[in-house]
C-alpha atoms as a PDB file:
ATOM      1  CA  MET A   1      29.170 -11.282   8.961  1.00  0.00           C
ATOM      2  CA  ASP A   2      27.877  -7.779   9.708  1.00  0.00           C
ATOM      3  CA  ILE A   3      29.267  -6.496   6.412  1.00  0.00           C
ATOM      4  CA  LEU A   4      27.508  -9.256   4.477  1.00  0.00           C
ATOM      5  CA  LYS A   5      24.263  -8.496   6.314  1.00  0.00           C
ATOM      6  CA  SER A   6      24.557  -4.783   5.500  1.00  0.00           C
ATOM      7  CA  VAL A   7      25.248  -5.483   1.823  1.00  0.00           C
ATOM      8  CA  CYS A   8      22.298  -7.884   1.577  1.00  0.00           C
ATOM      9  CA  GLN A   9      19.968  -5.409   3.276  1.00  0.00           C
ATOM     10  CA  TYR A  10      21.015  -2.673   0.862  1.00  0.00           C
ATOM     11  CA  VAL A  11      20.761  -4.795  -2.269  1.00  0.00           C
ATOM     12  CA  ILE A  12      17.244  -6.101  -1.597  1.00  0.00           C
ATOM     13  CA  THR A  13      15.706  -2.634  -1.237  1.00  0.00           C
ATOM     14  CA  PRO A  14      14.282  -0.970  -4.361  1.00  0.00           C
ATOM     15  CA  SER A  15      16.866   1.812  -4.164  1.00  0.00           C
ATOM     16  CA  GLY A  16      19.625  -0.787  -3.864  1.00  0.00           C
ATOM     17  CA  VAL A  17      18.407  -2.673  -6.926  1.00  0.00           C
ATOM     18  CA  ILE A  18      18.224   0.577  -8.909  1.00  0.00           C
ATOM     19  CA  ALA A  19      21.743   1.556  -7.819  1.00  0.00           C
ATOM     20  CA  LEU A  20      22.987  -1.927  -8.719  1.00  0.00           C
ATOM     21  CA  CYS A  21      21.476  -1.532 -12.210  1.00  0.00           C
ATOM     22  CA  PHE A  22      23.374   1.735 -12.658  1.00  0.00           C
ATOM     23  CA  ILE A  23      26.648   0.355 -11.273  1.00  0.00           C
ATOM     24  CA  VAL A  24      26.588  -2.826 -13.353  1.00  0.00           C
ATOM     25  CA  SER A  25      25.383  -1.123 -16.545  1.00  0.00           C
ATOM     26  CA  VAL A  26      28.277   1.352 -16.844  1.00  0.00           C
ATOM     27  CA  PRO A  27      31.078  -1.220 -17.321  1.00  0.00           C
ATOM     28  CA  LEU A  28      28.847  -3.274 -19.607  1.00  0.00           C
ATOM     29  CA  ILE A  29      28.181  -0.241 -21.801  1.00  0.00           C
ATOM     30  CA  ILE A  30      31.905   0.606 -21.872  1.00  0.00           C
ATOM     31  CA  ILE A  31      32.847  -2.879 -23.122  1.00  0.00           C
ATOM     32  CA  GLY A  32      30.064  -2.733 -25.704  1.00  0.00           C
ATOM     33  CA  LYS A  33      27.533  -5.192 -24.296  1.00  0.00           C
ATOM     34  CA  ARG A  34      23.964  -4.475 -25.319  1.00  0.00           C
ATOM     35  CA  ILE A  35      22.584  -5.682 -21.977  1.00  0.00           C
ATOM     36  CA  GLY A  36      24.296  -2.706 -20.332  1.00  0.00           C
ATOM     37  CA  LYS A  37      21.984  -0.318 -22.175  1.00  0.00           C
ATOM     38  CA  TYR A  38      18.965  -2.336 -21.085  1.00  0.00           C
ATOM     39  CA  LEU A  39      20.130  -2.350 -17.468  1.00  0.00           C
ATOM     40  CA  LEU A  40      20.665   1.396 -17.577  1.00  0.00           C
ATOM     41  CA  LEU A  41      17.213   1.884 -19.080  1.00  0.00           C
ATOM     42  CA  LEU A  42      15.692  -0.402 -16.432  1.00  0.00           C
ATOM     43  CA  GLY A  43      17.432   1.600 -13.713  1.00  0.00           C
ATOM     44  CA  ILE A  44      16.195   4.928 -15.088  1.00  0.00           C
ATOM     45  CA  ILE A  45      12.616   3.729 -15.523  1.00  0.00           C
ATOM     46  CA  SER A  46      12.600   2.133 -12.057  1.00  0.00           C
ATOM     47  CA  TYR A  47      14.029   5.256 -10.477  1.00  0.00           C
ATOM     48  CA  PHE A  48      11.363   7.513 -11.935  1.00  0.00           C
ATOM     49  CA  ALA A  49       8.579   4.989 -11.292  1.00  0.00           C
ATOM     50  CA  PHE A  50       9.393   4.580  -7.583  1.00  0.00           C
ATOM     51  CA  ALA A  51      10.090   8.294  -7.168  1.00  0.00           C
ATOM     52  CA  SER A  52       6.718   9.361  -8.560  1.00  0.00           C
ATOM     53  CA  SER A  53       3.907  10.026  -6.126  1.00  0.00           C
ATOM     54  CA  PRO A  54       1.241   7.812  -7.756  1.00  0.00           C
ATOM     55  CA  VAL A  55       3.416   4.703  -7.539  1.00  0.00           C
ATOM     56  CA  SER A  56       4.612   5.333  -3.978  1.00  0.00           C
ATOM     57  CA  ILE A  57       1.077   6.166  -2.829  1.00  0.00           C
ATOM     58  CA  ALA A  58      -0.269   2.984  -4.441  1.00  0.00           C
ATOM     59  CA  LEU A  59       2.426   0.853  -2.782  1.00  0.00           C
ATOM     60  CA  LEU A  60       1.859   2.382   0.650  1.00  0.00           C
ATOM     61  CA  ALA A  61      -1.945   2.413   0.387  1.00  0.00           C
ATOM     62  CA  ARG A  62      -2.108  -1.374   0.737  1.00  0.00           C
ATOM     63  CA  LEU A  63      -0.213  -1.201   4.008  1.00  0.00           C
ATOM     64  CA  GLU A  64      -1.911   1.898   5.369  1.00  0.00           C
ATOM     65  CA  ASN A  65      -5.461   0.913   4.447  1.00  0.00           C
ATOM     66  CA  GLN A  66      -5.275  -2.717   5.523  1.00  0.00           C
ATOM     67  CA  TYR A  67      -6.772  -1.816   8.898  1.00  0.00           C
ATOM     68  CA  SER A  68      -9.230   0.881   9.854  1.00  0.00           C
ATOM     69  CA  PRO A  69      -7.944   3.776  12.001  1.00  0.00           C
ATOM     70  CA  LEU A  70      -7.828   3.098  15.734  1.00  0.00           C
ATOM     71  CA  LEU A  71      -9.909   5.958  17.050  1.00  0.00           C
ATOM     72  CA  ASP A  72     -11.036   4.413  20.350  1.00  0.00           C
ATOM     73  CA  THR A  73      -8.399   2.472  22.300  1.00  0.00           C
ATOM     74  CA  LYS A  74     -10.590   1.452  25.250  1.00  0.00           C
ATOM     75  CA  GLY A  75     -11.282  -2.077  24.000  1.00  0.00           C
ATOM     76  CA  VAL A  76      -7.702  -2.803  22.958  1.00  0.00           C
ATOM     77  CA  GLN A  77      -5.513  -4.866  25.286  1.00  0.00           C
ATOM     78  CA  ASP A  78      -2.100  -6.539  25.301  1.00  0.00           C
ATOM     79  CA  VAL A  79      -0.384  -4.385  22.670  1.00  0.00           C
ATOM     80  CA  ASP A  80       3.396  -4.616  22.965  1.00  0.00           C
ATOM     81  CA  THR A  81       4.556  -2.747  19.880  1.00  0.00           C
ATOM     82  CA  ILE A  82       3.491   0.149  17.695  1.00  0.00           C
ATOM     83  CA  VAL A  83       4.920  -0.068  14.175  1.00  0.00           C
ATOM     84  CA  LEU A  84       5.597   3.283  12.526  1.00  0.00           C
ATOM     85  CA  LEU A  85       5.917   3.420   8.724  1.00  0.00           C
ATOM     86  CA  THR A  86       8.166   6.402   8.134  1.00  0.00           C
ATOM     87  CA  GLY A  87       8.910   8.481   5.094  1.00  0.00           C
ATOM     88  CA  ALA A  88      11.539  11.123   4.571  1.00  0.00           C
ATOM     89  CA  ALA A  89      13.978  11.962   7.353  1.00  0.00           C
ATOM     90  CA  TRP A  90      17.404  13.587   7.449  1.00  0.00           C
ATOM     91  CA  GLU A  91      19.974  14.527  10.032  1.00  0.00           C
ATOM     92  CA  ASP A  92      20.823  18.169  10.583  1.00  0.00           C
ATOM     93  CA  PRO A  93      22.044  19.132  14.075  1.00  0.00           C
ATOM     94  CA  ARG A  94      21.323  22.804  13.361  1.00  0.00           C
ATOM     95  CA  VAL A  95      17.536  22.351  13.360  1.00  0.00           C
ATOM     96  CA  PRO A  96      15.117  20.812  15.891  1.00  0.00           C
ATOM     97  CA  LEU A  97      14.329  17.096  15.615  1.00  0.00           C
ATOM     98  CA  THR A  98      10.751  17.810  14.503  1.00  0.00           C
ATOM     99  CA  SER A  99      12.122  19.717  11.506  1.00  0.00           C
ATOM    100  CA  GLN A 100      14.264  16.756  10.427  1.00  0.00           C
ATOM    101  CA  VAL A 101      11.344  14.583   9.307  1.00  0.00           C
ATOM    102  CA  GLY A 102       8.924  14.894   6.428  1.00  0.00           C
ATOM    103  CA  GLU A 103       5.338  16.010   6.824  1.00  0.00           C
ATOM    104  CA  THR A 104       3.872  12.513   6.488  1.00  0.00           C
ATOM    105  CA  THR A 105       6.379  11.030   8.923  1.00  0.00           C
ATOM    106  CA  LEU A 106       5.597  13.729  11.456  1.00  0.00           C
ATOM    107  CA  SER A 107       1.846  13.071  11.301  1.00  0.00           C
ATOM    108  CA  ARG A 108       2.428   9.316  11.706  1.00  0.00           C
ATOM    109  CA  LEU A 109       4.773   9.958  14.623  1.00  0.00           C
ATOM    110  CA  ILE A 110       2.174  12.133  16.347  1.00  0.00           C
ATOM    111  CA  GLU A 111      -0.419   9.371  15.908  1.00  0.00           C
ATOM    112  CA  ALA A 112       1.964   6.787  17.388  1.00  0.00           C
ATOM    113  CA  ILE A 113       2.598   9.073  20.355  1.00  0.00           C
ATOM    114  CA  ARG A 114      -1.169   9.478  20.798  1.00  0.00           C
ATOM    115  CA  LEU A 115      -1.648   5.723  20.815  1.00  0.00           C
ATOM    116  CA  GLN A 116       1.219   5.245  23.261  1.00  0.00           C
ATOM    117  CA  SER A 117      -0.126   7.950  25.570  1.00  0.00           C
ATOM    118  CA  ASP A 118      -3.533   6.238  25.578  1.00  0.00           C
ATOM    119  CA  LYS A 119      -1.678   3.382  27.322  1.00  0.00           C
ATOM    120  CA  LEU A 120      -2.183   0.722  24.698  1.00  0.00           C
END
């Protein structure tokens, strides 16, 4: 069951769909199916579209700008969870943890720590 859950989680992400396009298109191109070329083209276009800054910024802007920044936490009560939208992160035991996250992730993490320390 855990394997099926992992596969489903991977396939429904944009990167999973793009990878699936690449994986499925190669055998289809080899056997001469025209749809293989279209799948490969869809994968390439999707990859570059989601990897470009304007598209990723536009997709994240809806989530990030849905609520105004929480500058004063005095009137806020009964908050159980702080949700952190992360960006790039990698694992490298040779460098400190703060150097293993991207710039945007680090600034969001600092803001979450600030909110937590204000005893939300």
